[in-house]
């Protein structure tokens, strides 16, 4: 026969299968030792002088994986007091926005959640500092001393703060070892400590061949900490997901640019015989470069702009500008749509 808990709240009785609360022994209802002082032998139930109207929302903690949905007409502070009494650990409370759209909720913000967001900003800045120290690294031992002090100071500063954040997450975050970003930060910290030790070893022994190891480890760490560069990671995912569409648009754009550049070159080349040697469209590559820069509306690179002389050349110039704006806009639109979609999914 299934074990049933009989809960009495000011005369309102609830029958709860014990298996529902047994998975949460840290809470009051899930710990039989804590429940003993509320047990009444004569009625074979557990008596609490608590609000029976709020108790159904407490039960959702056990059935919805620590989530509690609070209606709009109940002050959320009352529910927090009930959570404290029943010793619910880390409840996620959602409060109804209004009385009409009852299925739209927002999560009650907590103090440490704000700090976690601040930590993500710090980790992002540390990642940028790691990128800076990697770019400052050199295999040339003669120029090693020029940037050694600044690079070493940045490494020491970043490693100290990264270690502090690791300790903070261990103390305040629950189940931190299940967080992949924590493991990334931990591995980055270990690599940073090895790098600092290697740099000190070079100073002591003058064994500059270790600089190759330092550069390799910094490059490895750079690829690891890129996980904190969220925007860059989302842009890469956007290119991967929209790769097929972007390739089709780019291929069509290249065909149009190549065709119109050859047509223009065929007619403009005849006019070059009567011009001075200052003309820029001398080869097929010049024509393609002119067409590409014109389709992107960025001019003709670092050389003098080529002015088309023939009617066909000017018509091709117009078509290049028109199709360039059209297809480049379509490519940009696909990238923005894909990025916004991935950004919303990642945020949710």
C-alpha atoms as a PDB file:
ATOM      1  CA  UNK A   1       0.000   0.000   0.000  1.00  0.00           C
ATOM      2  CA  UNK A   2       1.289   3.428  -0.942  1.00  0.00           C
ATOM      3  CA  UNK A   3       2.555   5.624   1.885  1.00  0.00           C
ATOM      4  CA  UNK A   4       0.313   8.714   2.206  1.00  0.00           C
ATOM      5  CA  UNK A   5       1.072  11.895   4.121  1.00  0.00           C
ATOM      6  CA  UNK A   6      -1.970  13.484   5.744  1.00  0.00           C
ATOM      7  CA  UNK A   7      -1.334  17.212   5.997  1.00  0.00           C
ATOM      8  CA  UNK A   8      -3.693  19.391   8.053  1.00  0.00           C
ATOM      9  CA  UNK A   9      -3.510  23.148   7.690  1.00  0.00           C
ATOM     10  CA  UNK A  10      -5.948  24.870  10.076  1.00  0.00           C
ATOM     11  CA  UNK A  11      -8.553  22.164   9.443  1.00  0.00           C
ATOM     12  CA  UNK A  12      -7.940  21.858   5.680  1.00  0.00           C
ATOM     13  CA  UNK A  13      -6.644  18.348   4.980  1.00  0.00           C
ATOM     14  CA  UNK A  14      -4.383  17.290   2.086  1.00  0.00           C
ATOM     15  CA  UNK A  15      -3.457  13.714   1.178  1.00  0.00           C
ATOM     16  CA  UNK A  16      -0.035  13.601  -0.483  1.00  0.00           C
ATOM     17  CA  UNK A  17       1.744  10.457  -1.734  1.00  0.00           C
ATOM     18  CA  UNK A  18       5.091  10.397   0.059  1.00  0.00           C
ATOM     19  CA  UNK A  19       6.955   9.389  -3.109  1.00  0.00           C
ATOM     20  CA  UNK A  20       6.297  12.898  -4.502  1.00  0.00           C
ATOM     21  CA  UNK A  21       8.163  14.653  -1.690  1.00  0.00           C
ATOM     22  CA  UNK A  22      10.674  11.890  -0.938  1.00  0.00           C
ATOM     23  CA  UNK A  23      13.033  13.129  -3.665  1.00  0.00           C
ATOM     24  CA  UNK A  24      13.487  16.389  -1.738  1.00  0.00           C
ATOM     25  CA  UNK A  25      14.767  15.304   1.699  1.00  0.00           C
ATOM     26  CA  UNK A  26      16.225  18.762   2.372  1.00  0.00           C
ATOM     27  CA  UNK A  27      12.687  20.198   2.610  1.00  0.00           C
ATOM     28  CA  UNK A  28      10.300  19.921   5.553  1.00  0.00           C
ATOM     29  CA  UNK A  29       7.772  17.645   3.863  1.00  0.00           C
ATOM     30  CA  UNK A  30      10.455  15.366   2.432  1.00  0.00           C
ATOM     31  CA  UNK A  31      12.209  14.768   5.775  1.00  0.00           C
ATOM     32  CA  UNK A  32      10.317  12.514   8.198  1.00  0.00           C
ATOM     33  CA  UNK A  33      12.571  13.490  11.097  1.00  0.00           C
ATOM     34  CA  UNK A  34      11.613  17.134  10.709  1.00  0.00           C
ATOM     35  CA  UNK A  35       7.947  16.207  10.371  1.00  0.00           C
ATOM     36  CA  UNK A  36       7.849  14.328  13.687  1.00  0.00           C
ATOM     37  CA  UNK A  37       7.227  17.409  15.816  1.00  0.00           C
ATOM     38  CA  UNK A  38       4.124  18.227  13.742  1.00  0.00           C
ATOM     39  CA  UNK A  39       2.684  14.694  13.988  1.00  0.00           C
ATOM     40  CA  UNK A  40      -0.583  14.113  15.929  1.00  0.00           C
ATOM     41  CA  UNK A  41      -1.070  10.514  17.087  1.00  0.00           C
ATOM     42  CA  UNK A  42      -4.781  10.827  17.784  1.00  0.00           C
ATOM     43  CA  UNK A  43      -5.601  11.982  14.254  1.00  0.00           C
ATOM     44  CA  UNK A  44      -2.649  10.361  12.430  1.00  0.00           C
ATOM     45  CA  UNK A  45      -1.817  13.520  10.535  1.00  0.00           C
ATOM     46  CA  UNK A  46       0.714  16.374  10.428  1.00  0.00           C
ATOM     47  CA  UNK A  47      -0.718  19.670  11.661  1.00  0.00           C
ATOM     48  CA  UNK A  48       0.564  23.069  10.504  1.00  0.00           C
ATOM     49  CA  UNK A  49      -0.762  26.488  11.422  1.00  0.00           C
ATOM     50  CA  UNK A  50      -0.222  27.817   7.933  1.00  0.00           C
ATOM     51  CA  UNK A  51      -2.428  29.316   5.238  1.00  0.00           C
ATOM     52  CA  UNK A  52      -4.202  26.429   3.443  1.00  0.00           C
ATOM     53  CA  UNK A  53      -4.853  28.627   0.380  1.00  0.00           C
ATOM     54  CA  UNK A  54      -1.134  28.908  -0.334  1.00  0.00           C
ATOM     55  CA  UNK A  55      -0.285  25.252   0.201  1.00  0.00           C
ATOM     56  CA  UNK A  56      -1.319  24.070  -3.322  1.00  0.00           C
ATOM     57  CA  UNK A  57       1.319  26.405  -4.772  1.00  0.00           C
ATOM     58  CA  UNK A  58       3.899  24.920  -2.397  1.00  0.00           C
ATOM     59  CA  UNK A  59       3.097  21.475  -3.803  1.00  0.00           C
ATOM     60  CA  UNK A  60       4.015  22.606  -7.314  1.00  0.00           C
ATOM     61  CA  UNK A  61       7.611  22.867  -6.051  1.00  0.00           C
ATOM     62  CA  UNK A  62       7.668  19.053  -5.891  1.00  0.00           C
ATOM     63  CA  UNK A  63       5.753  18.360  -9.100  1.00  0.00           C
ATOM     64  CA  UNK A  64       7.326  20.998 -11.384  1.00  0.00           C
ATOM     65  CA  UNK A  65      11.013  20.625 -10.465  1.00  0.00           C
ATOM     66  CA  UNK A  66      11.272  23.485  -7.939  1.00  0.00           C
ATOM     67  CA  UNK A  67       9.053  25.846  -9.967  1.00  0.00           C
ATOM     68  CA  UNK A  68       6.211  27.749  -8.305  1.00  0.00           C
ATOM     69  CA  UNK A  69       3.628  29.687 -10.313  1.00  0.00           C
ATOM     70  CA  UNK A  70       1.943  32.410  -8.270  1.00  0.00           C
ATOM     71  CA  UNK A  71      -1.352  34.052  -9.388  1.00  0.00           C
ATOM     72  CA  UNK A  72      -1.513  37.809  -9.854  1.00  0.00           C
ATOM     73  CA  UNK A  73      -3.808  38.353  -6.863  1.00  0.00           C
ATOM     74  CA  UNK A  74      -1.471  36.760  -4.281  1.00  0.00           C
ATOM     75  CA  UNK A  75       1.385  38.906  -2.901  1.00  0.00           C
ATOM     76  CA  UNK A  76       4.606  37.160  -3.735  1.00  0.00           C
ATOM     77  CA  UNK A  77       6.069  37.943  -0.296  1.00  0.00           C
ATOM     78  CA  UNK A  78       3.457  35.697   1.355  1.00  0.00           C
ATOM     79  CA  UNK A  79       4.520  32.832  -0.846  1.00  0.00           C
ATOM     80  CA  UNK A  80       8.171  33.472   0.014  1.00  0.00           C
ATOM     81  CA  UNK A  81       7.359  33.160   3.731  1.00  0.00           C
ATOM     82  CA  UNK A  82       5.660  29.824   3.063  1.00  0.00           C
ATOM     83  CA  UNK A  83       8.729  28.652   1.109  1.00  0.00           C
ATOM     84  CA  UNK A  84      10.934  29.548   4.065  1.00  0.00           C
ATOM     85  CA  UNK A  85       8.696  27.694   6.529  1.00  0.00           C
ATOM     86  CA  UNK A  86       8.581  24.511   4.438  1.00  0.00           C
ATOM     87  CA  UNK A  87      12.350  24.870   3.828  1.00  0.00           C
ATOM     88  CA  UNK A  88      12.132  24.826   0.048  1.00  0.00           C
ATOM     89  CA  UNK A  89      15.660  25.197  -1.323  1.00  0.00           C
ATOM     90  CA  UNK A  90      16.212  27.449  -4.364  1.00  0.00           C
ATOM     91  CA  UNK A  91      12.574  27.790  -5.440  1.00  0.00           C
ATOM     92  CA  UNK A  92      12.018  29.533  -8.770  1.00  0.00           C
ATOM     93  CA  UNK A  93       8.927  31.692  -8.333  1.00  0.00           C
ATOM     94  CA  UNK A  94       7.009  32.918 -11.367  1.00  0.00           C
ATOM     95  CA  UNK A  95       4.423  35.658 -10.863  1.00  0.00           C
ATOM     96  CA  UNK A  96       1.468  36.187 -13.216  1.00  0.00           C
ATOM     97  CA  UNK A  97       1.718  39.430 -15.199  1.00  0.00           C
ATOM     98  CA  UNK A  98      -1.985  40.235 -15.176  1.00  0.00           C
ATOM     99  CA  UNK A  99      -5.359  38.645 -14.544  1.00  0.00           C
ATOM    100  CA  UNK A 100      -6.279  38.227 -18.220  1.00  0.00           C
ATOM    101  CA  UNK A 101      -3.241  36.524 -19.744  1.00  0.00           C
ATOM    102  CA  UNK A 102      -2.826  34.009 -16.965  1.00  0.00           C
ATOM    103  CA  UNK A 103      -0.153  31.997 -18.776  1.00  0.00           C
ATOM    104  CA  UNK A 104       2.337  34.840 -19.113  1.00  0.00           C
ATOM    105  CA  UNK A 105       4.738  34.882 -16.185  1.00  0.00           C
ATOM    106  CA  UNK A 106       7.951  36.569 -15.223  1.00  0.00           C
ATOM    107  CA  UNK A 107      10.550  35.114 -12.929  1.00  0.00           C
ATOM    108  CA  UNK A 108      11.191  36.769  -9.598  1.00  0.00           C
ATOM    109  CA  UNK A 109      14.763  38.079  -9.722  1.00  0.00           C
ATOM    110  CA  UNK A 110      17.198  37.118  -7.026  1.00  0.00           C
ATOM    111  CA  UNK A 111      20.281  38.793  -5.654  1.00  0.00           C
ATOM    112  CA  UNK A 112      22.777  36.204  -6.824  1.00  0.00           C
ATOM    113  CA  UNK A 113      21.283  36.039 -10.305  1.00  0.00           C
ATOM    114  CA  UNK A 114      22.294  39.677 -10.804  1.00  0.00           C
ATOM    115  CA  UNK A 115      25.786  38.901  -9.536  1.00  0.00           C
ATOM    116  CA  UNK A 116      26.046  35.977 -11.944  1.00  0.00           C
ATOM    117  CA  UNK A 117      25.319  38.343 -14.839  1.00  0.00           C
ATOM    118  CA  UNK A 118      28.027  40.658 -13.543  1.00  0.00           C
ATOM    119  CA  UNK A 119      30.421  37.706 -13.411  1.00  0.00           C
ATOM    120  CA  UNK A 120      29.703  36.944 -17.066  1.00  0.00           C
ATOM    121  CA  UNK A 121      30.715  40.508 -17.952  1.00  0.00           C
ATOM    122  CA  UNK A 122      33.965  40.127 -15.992  1.00  0.00           C
ATOM    123  CA  UNK A 123      34.703  36.808 -17.703  1.00  0.00           C
ATOM    124  CA  UNK A 124      34.098  38.430 -21.076  1.00  0.00           C
ATOM    125  CA  UNK A 125      36.620  41.178 -20.246  1.00  0.00           C
ATOM    126  CA  UNK A 126      39.130  38.594 -19.038  1.00  0.00           C
ATOM    127  CA  UNK A 127      38.699  36.749 -22.343  1.00  0.00           C
ATOM    128  CA  UNK A 128      39.559  39.936 -24.212  1.00  0.00           C
ATOM    129  CA  UNK A 129      42.652  40.378 -22.038  1.00  0.00           C
ATOM    130  CA  UNK A 130      43.721  36.827 -22.883  1.00  0.00           C
ATOM    131  CA  UNK A 131      43.348  37.683 -26.570  1.00  0.00           C
ATOM    132  CA  UNK A 132      45.537  40.740 -25.998  1.00  0.00           C
ATOM    133  CA  UNK A 133      48.310  38.772 -24.295  1.00  0.00           C
ATOM    134  CA  UNK A 134      48.239  36.180 -27.073  1.00  0.00           C
ATOM    135  CA  UNK A 135      48.677  38.885 -29.704  1.00  0.00           C
ATOM    136  CA  UNK A 136      51.587  40.353 -27.706  1.00  0.00           C
ATOM    137  CA  UNK A 137      53.405  37.025 -27.570  1.00  0.00           C
ATOM    138  CA  UNK A 138      56.388  36.590 -29.923  1.00  0.00           C
ATOM    139  CA  UNK A 139      58.914  33.887 -30.708  1.00  0.00           C
ATOM    140  CA  UNK A 140      61.657  36.469 -31.214  1.00  0.00           C
ATOM    141  CA  UNK A 141      63.784  36.461 -28.059  1.00  0.00           C
ATOM    142  CA  UNK A 142      65.317  39.848 -28.884  1.00  0.00           C
ATOM    143  CA  UNK A 143      61.962  41.628 -28.670  1.00  0.00           C
ATOM    144  CA  UNK A 144      60.803  39.561 -25.721  1.00  0.00           C
ATOM    145  CA  UNK A 145      61.734  42.160 -23.109  1.00  0.00           C
ATOM    146  CA  UNK A 146      59.840  44.941 -24.882  1.00  0.00           C
ATOM    147  CA  UNK A 147      56.420  43.556 -24.040  1.00  0.00           C
ATOM    148  CA  UNK A 148      57.347  41.134 -21.271  1.00  0.00           C
ATOM    149  CA  UNK A 149      56.410  43.310 -18.288  1.00  0.00           C
ATOM    150  CA  UNK A 150      53.030  44.421 -19.665  1.00  0.00           C
ATOM    151  CA  UNK A 151      52.109  40.939 -20.871  1.00  0.00           C
ATOM    152  CA  UNK A 152      53.161  39.381 -17.577  1.00  0.00           C
ATOM    153  CA  UNK A 153      51.177  41.939 -15.569  1.00  0.00           C
ATOM    154  CA  UNK A 154      48.024  41.354 -17.652  1.00  0.00           C
ATOM    155  CA  UNK A 155      48.425  37.580 -17.254  1.00  0.00           C
ATOM    156  CA  UNK A 156      48.838  37.921 -13.492  1.00  0.00           C
ATOM    157  CA  UNK A 157      45.893  40.306 -13.181  1.00  0.00           C
ATOM    158  CA  UNK A 158      43.565  38.148 -15.313  1.00  0.00           C
ATOM    159  CA  UNK A 159      44.537  34.912 -13.576  1.00  0.00           C
ATOM    160  CA  UNK A 160      43.919  36.438 -10.141  1.00  0.00           C
ATOM    161  CA  UNK A 161      40.415  37.591 -11.052  1.00  0.00           C
ATOM    162  CA  UNK A 162      39.635  34.361 -12.868  1.00  0.00           C
ATOM    163  CA  UNK A 163      40.655  32.364  -9.789  1.00  0.00           C
ATOM    164  CA  UNK A 164      38.521  34.618  -7.585  1.00  0.00           C
ATOM    165  CA  UNK A 165      35.492  34.050  -9.815  1.00  0.00           C
ATOM    166  CA  UNK A 166      36.061  30.280  -9.759  1.00  0.00           C
ATOM    167  CA  UNK A 167      36.060  30.318  -5.943  1.00  0.00           C
ATOM    168  CA  UNK A 168      32.950  32.507  -5.927  1.00  0.00           C
ATOM    169  CA  UNK A 169      31.066  30.092  -8.177  1.00  0.00           C
ATOM    170  CA  UNK A 170      32.069  27.132  -5.997  1.00  0.00           C
ATOM    171  CA  UNK A 171      30.717  28.889  -2.894  1.00  0.00           C
ATOM    172  CA  UNK A 172      27.514  30.437  -4.211  1.00  0.00           C
ATOM    173  CA  UNK A 173      26.461  28.478  -7.288  1.00  0.00           C
ATOM    174  CA  UNK A 174      24.625  25.193  -7.003  1.00  0.00           C
ATOM    175  CA  UNK A 175      25.697  22.234  -9.152  1.00  0.00           C
ATOM    176  CA  UNK A 176      28.509  24.300 -10.652  1.00  0.00           C
ATOM    177  CA  UNK A 177      30.297  21.196 -11.991  1.00  0.00           C
ATOM    178  CA  UNK A 178      27.353  20.608 -14.327  1.00  0.00           C
ATOM    179  CA  UNK A 179      27.905  24.031 -15.884  1.00  0.00           C
ATOM    180  CA  UNK A 180      30.113  23.716 -18.953  1.00  0.00           C
ATOM    181  CA  UNK A 181      31.215  27.351 -18.660  1.00  0.00           C
ATOM    182  CA  UNK A 182      32.518  26.710 -15.153  1.00  0.00           C
ATOM    183  CA  UNK A 183      34.640  23.835 -16.481  1.00  0.00           C
ATOM    184  CA  UNK A 184      35.923  26.128 -19.241  1.00  0.00           C
ATOM    185  CA  UNK A 185      36.856  28.760 -16.661  1.00  0.00           C
ATOM    186  CA  UNK A 186      38.532  26.148 -14.455  1.00  0.00           C
ATOM    187  CA  UNK A 187      40.620  24.775 -17.337  1.00  0.00           C
ATOM    188  CA  UNK A 188      41.525  28.330 -18.408  1.00  0.00           C
ATOM    189  CA  UNK A 189      42.678  29.073 -14.854  1.00  0.00           C
ATOM    190  CA  UNK A 190      44.906  25.996 -14.810  1.00  0.00           C
ATOM    191  CA  UNK A 191      46.401  26.981 -18.177  1.00  0.00           C
ATOM    192  CA  UNK A 192      47.003  30.532 -16.934  1.00  0.00           C
ATOM    193  CA  UNK A 193      48.837  29.285 -13.842  1.00  0.00           C
ATOM    194  CA  UNK A 194      51.016  27.065 -16.053  1.00  0.00           C
ATOM    195  CA  UNK A 195      51.747  30.043 -18.317  1.00  0.00           C
ATOM    196  CA  UNK A 196      52.802  32.250 -15.408  1.00  0.00           C
ATOM    197  CA  UNK A 197      55.023  29.470 -14.046  1.00  0.00           C
ATOM    198  CA  UNK A 198      56.612  29.027 -17.490  1.00  0.00           C
ATOM    199  CA  UNK A 199      57.296  32.747 -17.805  1.00  0.00           C
ATOM    200  CA  UNK A 200      58.933  32.803 -14.379  1.00  0.00           C
ATOM    201  CA  UNK A 201      61.019  29.778 -15.375  1.00  0.00           C
ATOM    202  CA  UNK A 202      62.267  31.634 -18.453  1.00  0.00           C
ATOM    203  CA  UNK A 203      63.341  34.573 -16.285  1.00  0.00           C
ATOM    204  CA  UNK A 204      65.213  32.280 -13.891  1.00  0.00           C
ATOM    205  CA  UNK A 205      66.867  29.917 -16.403  1.00  0.00           C
ATOM    206  CA  UNK A 206      66.980  32.095 -19.586  1.00  0.00           C
ATOM    207  CA  UNK A 207      65.665  29.036 -21.429  1.00  0.00           C
ATOM    208  CA  UNK A 208      63.837  30.908 -24.156  1.00  0.00           C
ATOM    209  CA  UNK A 209      62.706  27.778 -25.990  1.00  0.00           C
ATOM    210  CA  UNK A 210      59.869  27.639 -23.480  1.00  0.00           C
ATOM    211  CA  UNK A 211      58.453  30.637 -25.302  1.00  0.00           C
ATOM    212  CA  UNK A 212      57.197  28.242 -27.988  1.00  0.00           C
ATOM    213  CA  UNK A 213      55.271  26.341 -25.302  1.00  0.00           C
ATOM    214  CA  UNK A 214      53.877  29.599 -23.923  1.00  0.00           C
ATOM    215  CA  UNK A 215      52.653  30.685 -27.341  1.00  0.00           C
ATOM    216  CA  UNK A 216      51.034  27.272 -27.933  1.00  0.00           C
ATOM    217  CA  UNK A 217      49.273  27.308 -24.551  1.00  0.00           C
ATOM    218  CA  UNK A 218      48.031  30.856 -25.089  1.00  0.00           C
ATOM    219  CA  UNK A 219      46.653  29.892 -28.476  1.00  0.00           C
ATOM    220  CA  UNK A 220      44.897  26.878 -26.940  1.00  0.00           C
ATOM    221  CA  UNK A 221      43.443  29.050 -24.174  1.00  0.00           C
ATOM    222  CA  UNK A 222      42.282  31.570 -26.747  1.00  0.00           C
ATOM    223  CA  UNK A 223      40.181  28.900 -28.458  1.00  0.00           C
ATOM    224  CA  UNK A 224      38.806  27.803 -25.081  1.00  0.00           C
ATOM    225  CA  UNK A 225      37.734  31.206 -23.764  1.00  0.00           C
ATOM    226  CA  UNK A 226      35.997  32.055 -27.031  1.00  0.00           C
ATOM    227  CA  UNK A 227      32.941  30.412 -25.451  1.00  0.00           C
ATOM    228  CA  UNK A 228      32.549  33.583 -23.364  1.00  0.00           C
ATOM    229  CA  UNK A 229      32.482  35.744 -26.493  1.00  0.00           C
ATOM    230  CA  UNK A 230      28.771  35.148 -26.848  1.00  0.00           C
ATOM    231  CA  UNK A 231      28.161  37.487 -29.785  1.00  0.00           C
ATOM    232  CA  UNK A 232      30.980  35.943 -31.811  1.00  0.00           C
ATOM    233  CA  UNK A 233      29.726  32.455 -30.973  1.00  0.00           C
ATOM    234  CA  UNK A 234      26.199  33.352 -32.091  1.00  0.00           C
ATOM    235  CA  UNK A 235      27.511  34.886 -35.339  1.00  0.00           C
ATOM    236  CA  UNK A 236      29.398  31.666 -36.106  1.00  0.00           C
ATOM    237  CA  UNK A 237      26.256  29.626 -35.417  1.00  0.00           C
ATOM    238  CA  UNK A 238      24.306  31.964 -37.705  1.00  0.00           C
ATOM    239  CA  UNK A 239      26.725  31.344 -40.576  1.00  0.00           C
ATOM    240  CA  UNK A 240      26.510  27.594 -39.978  1.00  0.00           C
ATOM    241  CA  UNK A 241      22.708  27.484 -39.934  1.00  0.00           C
ATOM    242  CA  UNK A 242      22.257  29.860 -42.890  1.00  0.00           C
ATOM    243  CA  UNK A 243      25.217  28.487 -44.838  1.00  0.00           C
ATOM    244  CA  UNK A 244      23.183  27.001 -47.698  1.00  0.00           C
ATOM    245  CA  UNK A 245      21.078  30.119 -48.324  1.00  0.00           C
ATOM    246  CA  UNK A 246      24.076  32.434 -48.071  1.00  0.00           C
ATOM    247  CA  UNK A 247      26.099  30.270 -50.482  1.00  0.00           C
ATOM    248  CA  UNK A 248      23.287  30.398 -53.068  1.00  0.00           C
ATOM    249  CA  UNK A 249      23.006  34.192 -52.844  1.00  0.00           C
ATOM    250  CA  UNK A 250      26.791  34.646 -52.983  1.00  0.00           C
ATOM    251  CA  UNK A 251      27.042  32.295 -55.984  1.00  0.00           C
ATOM    252  CA  UNK A 252      24.359  34.236 -57.892  1.00  0.00           C
ATOM    253  CA  UNK A 253      26.089  37.490 -56.992  1.00  0.00           C
ATOM    254  CA  UNK A 254      29.447  36.204 -58.263  1.00  0.00           C
ATOM    255  CA  UNK A 255      27.879  35.048 -61.558  1.00  0.00           C
ATOM    256  CA  UNK A 256      26.306  38.466 -62.123  1.00  0.00           C
ATOM    257  CA  UNK A 257      29.514  40.323 -61.201  1.00  0.00           C
ATOM    258  CA  UNK A 258      31.663  38.073 -63.407  1.00  0.00           C
ATOM    259  CA  UNK A 259      29.343  38.307 -66.408  1.00  0.00           C
ATOM    260  CA  UNK A 260      28.867  42.075 -66.306  1.00  0.00           C
ATOM    261  CA  UNK A 261      32.591  42.677 -65.671  1.00  0.00           C
ATOM    262  CA  UNK A 262      33.519  40.682 -68.788  1.00  0.00           C
ATOM    263  CA  UNK A 263      30.923  42.480 -70.901  1.00  0.00           C
ATOM    264  CA  UNK A 264      32.191  45.846 -69.663  1.00  0.00           C
ATOM    265  CA  UNK A 265      35.834  44.881 -70.219  1.00  0.00           C
ATOM    266  CA  UNK A 266      35.092  43.753 -73.795  1.00  0.00           C
ATOM    267  CA  UNK A 267      33.730  47.189 -74.743  1.00  0.00           C
ATOM    268  CA  UNK A 268      35.927  49.372 -72.552  1.00  0.00           C
ATOM    269  CA  UNK A 269      39.123  47.679 -73.724  1.00  0.00           C
ATOM    270  CA  UNK A 270      38.588  49.057 -77.228  1.00  0.00           C
ATOM    271  CA  UNK A 271      38.397  52.572 -75.846  1.00  0.00           C
ATOM    272  CA  UNK A 272      41.684  52.152 -73.990  1.00  0.00           C
ATOM    273  CA  UNK A 273      43.629  52.185 -77.249  1.00  0.00           C
ATOM    274  CA  UNK A 274      42.725  55.851 -77.691  1.00  0.00           C
ATOM    275  CA  UNK A 275      43.390  56.751 -74.014  1.00  0.00           C
ATOM    276  CA  UNK A 276      46.561  57.365 -72.096  1.00  0.00           C
ATOM    277  CA  UNK A 277      48.108  54.697 -69.902  1.00  0.00           C
ATOM    278  CA  UNK A 278      46.284  56.086 -66.844  1.00  0.00           C
ATOM    279  CA  UNK A 279      43.241  53.888 -67.324  1.00  0.00           C
ATOM    280  CA  UNK A 280      42.728  51.258 -64.627  1.00  0.00           C
ATOM    281  CA  UNK A 281      40.777  48.543 -66.438  1.00  0.00           C
ATOM    282  CA  UNK A 282      43.720  46.904 -68.201  1.00  0.00           C
ATOM    283  CA  UNK A 283      43.175  43.208 -67.442  1.00  0.00           C
ATOM    284  CA  UNK A 284      40.330  40.790 -66.686  1.00  0.00           C
ATOM    285  CA  UNK A 285      41.257  40.920 -63.016  1.00  0.00           C
ATOM    286  CA  UNK A 286      40.999  44.733 -63.030  1.00  0.00           C
ATOM    287  CA  UNK A 287      37.543  44.441 -64.562  1.00  0.00           C
ATOM    288  CA  UNK A 288      36.397  41.917 -61.970  1.00  0.00           C
ATOM    289  CA  UNK A 289      37.815  44.007 -59.128  1.00  0.00           C
ATOM    290  CA  UNK A 290      36.085  47.104 -60.518  1.00  0.00           C
ATOM    291  CA  UNK A 291      32.781  45.226 -60.783  1.00  0.00           C
ATOM    292  CA  UNK A 292      33.079  43.789 -57.274  1.00  0.00           C
ATOM    293  CA  UNK A 293      33.856  47.133 -55.639  1.00  0.00           C
ATOM    294  CA  UNK A 294      31.058  48.798 -57.611  1.00  0.00           C
ATOM    295  CA  UNK A 295      28.491  46.145 -56.637  1.00  0.00           C
ATOM    296  CA  UNK A 296      29.360  46.719 -52.966  1.00  0.00           C
ATOM    297  CA  UNK A 297      29.254  50.500 -53.620  1.00  0.00           C
ATOM    298  CA  UNK A 298      32.684  50.971 -52.047  1.00  0.00           C
ATOM    299  CA  UNK A 299      34.515  52.498 -55.022  1.00  0.00           C
ATOM    300  CA  UNK A 300      37.527  51.111 -56.841  1.00  0.00           C
ATOM    301  CA  UNK A 301      39.845  50.181 -54.006  1.00  0.00           C
ATOM    302  CA  UNK A 302      42.964  52.300 -53.554  1.00  0.00           C
ATOM    303  CA  UNK A 303      43.380  53.130 -57.249  1.00  0.00           C
ATOM    304  CA  UNK A 304      41.858  55.896 -59.310  1.00  0.00           C
ATOM    305  CA  UNK A 305      38.188  55.382 -60.092  1.00  0.00           C
ATOM    306  CA  UNK A 306      37.530  54.120 -63.608  1.00  0.00           C
ATOM    307  CA  UNK A 307      34.897  56.052 -65.510  1.00  0.00           C
ATOM    308  CA  UNK A 308      33.111  53.933 -68.102  1.00  0.00           C
ATOM    309  CA  UNK A 309      33.163  55.533 -71.547  1.00  0.00           C
ATOM    310  CA  UNK A 310      30.781  53.370 -73.559  1.00  0.00           C
ATOM    311  CA  UNK A 311      27.017  53.092 -73.325  1.00  0.00           C
ATOM    312  CA  UNK A 312      27.265  49.368 -72.661  1.00  0.00           C
ATOM    313  CA  UNK A 313      29.825  49.987 -69.891  1.00  0.00           C
ATOM    314  CA  UNK A 314      27.632  52.551 -68.176  1.00  0.00           C
ATOM    315  CA  UNK A 315      24.599  50.257 -68.437  1.00  0.00           C
ATOM    316  CA  UNK A 316      26.625  47.462 -66.850  1.00  0.00           C
ATOM    317  CA  UNK A 317      27.696  49.880 -64.116  1.00  0.00           C
ATOM    318  CA  UNK A 318      24.049  50.595 -63.338  1.00  0.00           C
ATOM    319  CA  UNK A 319      23.167  46.887 -63.314  1.00  0.00           C
ATOM    320  CA  UNK A 320      26.097  46.100 -61.039  1.00  0.00           C
ATOM    321  CA  UNK A 321      24.995  48.764 -58.581  1.00  0.00           C
ATOM    322  CA  UNK A 322      21.370  47.598 -58.675  1.00  0.00           C
ATOM    323  CA  UNK A 323      22.037  43.862 -58.292  1.00  0.00           C
ATOM    324  CA  UNK A 324      24.848  44.517 -55.820  1.00  0.00           C
ATOM    325  CA  UNK A 325      22.558  46.435 -53.467  1.00  0.00           C
ATOM    326  CA  UNK A 326      19.809  43.824 -53.981  1.00  0.00           C
ATOM    327  CA  UNK A 327      21.803  40.643 -53.321  1.00  0.00           C
ATOM    328  CA  UNK A 328      24.060  42.122 -50.647  1.00  0.00           C
ATOM    329  CA  UNK A 329      20.928  43.330 -48.869  1.00  0.00           C
ATOM    330  CA  UNK A 330      19.406  39.840 -49.113  1.00  0.00           C
ATOM    331  CA  UNK A 331      22.569  38.285 -47.657  1.00  0.00           C
ATOM    332  CA  UNK A 332      22.587  40.804 -44.817  1.00  0.00           C
ATOM    333  CA  UNK A 333      18.878  40.180 -44.207  1.00  0.00           C
ATOM    334  CA  UNK A 334      19.420  36.427 -43.941  1.00  0.00           C
ATOM    335  CA  UNK A 335      22.267  36.942 -41.489  1.00  0.00           C
ATOM    336  CA  UNK A 336      20.239  39.323 -39.311  1.00  0.00           C
ATOM    337  CA  UNK A 337      17.172  37.044 -39.295  1.00  0.00           C
ATOM    338  CA  UNK A 338      19.292  34.014 -38.426  1.00  0.00           C
ATOM    339  CA  UNK A 339      21.192  35.888 -35.732  1.00  0.00           C
ATOM    340  CA  UNK A 340      18.022  37.200 -34.061  1.00  0.00           C
ATOM    341  CA  UNK A 341      16.486  33.712 -34.076  1.00  0.00           C
ATOM    342  CA  UNK A 342      19.566  32.128 -32.516  1.00  0.00           C
ATOM    343  CA  UNK A 343      19.863  34.996 -30.029  1.00  0.00           C
ATOM    344  CA  UNK A 344      16.274  34.498 -28.817  1.00  0.00           C
ATOM    345  CA  UNK A 345      16.733  30.739 -28.505  1.00  0.00           C
ATOM    346  CA  UNK A 346      19.995  31.179 -26.628  1.00  0.00           C
ATOM    347  CA  UNK A 347      18.439  33.761 -24.299  1.00  0.00           C
ATOM    348  CA  UNK A 348      15.446  31.526 -23.543  1.00  0.00           C
END
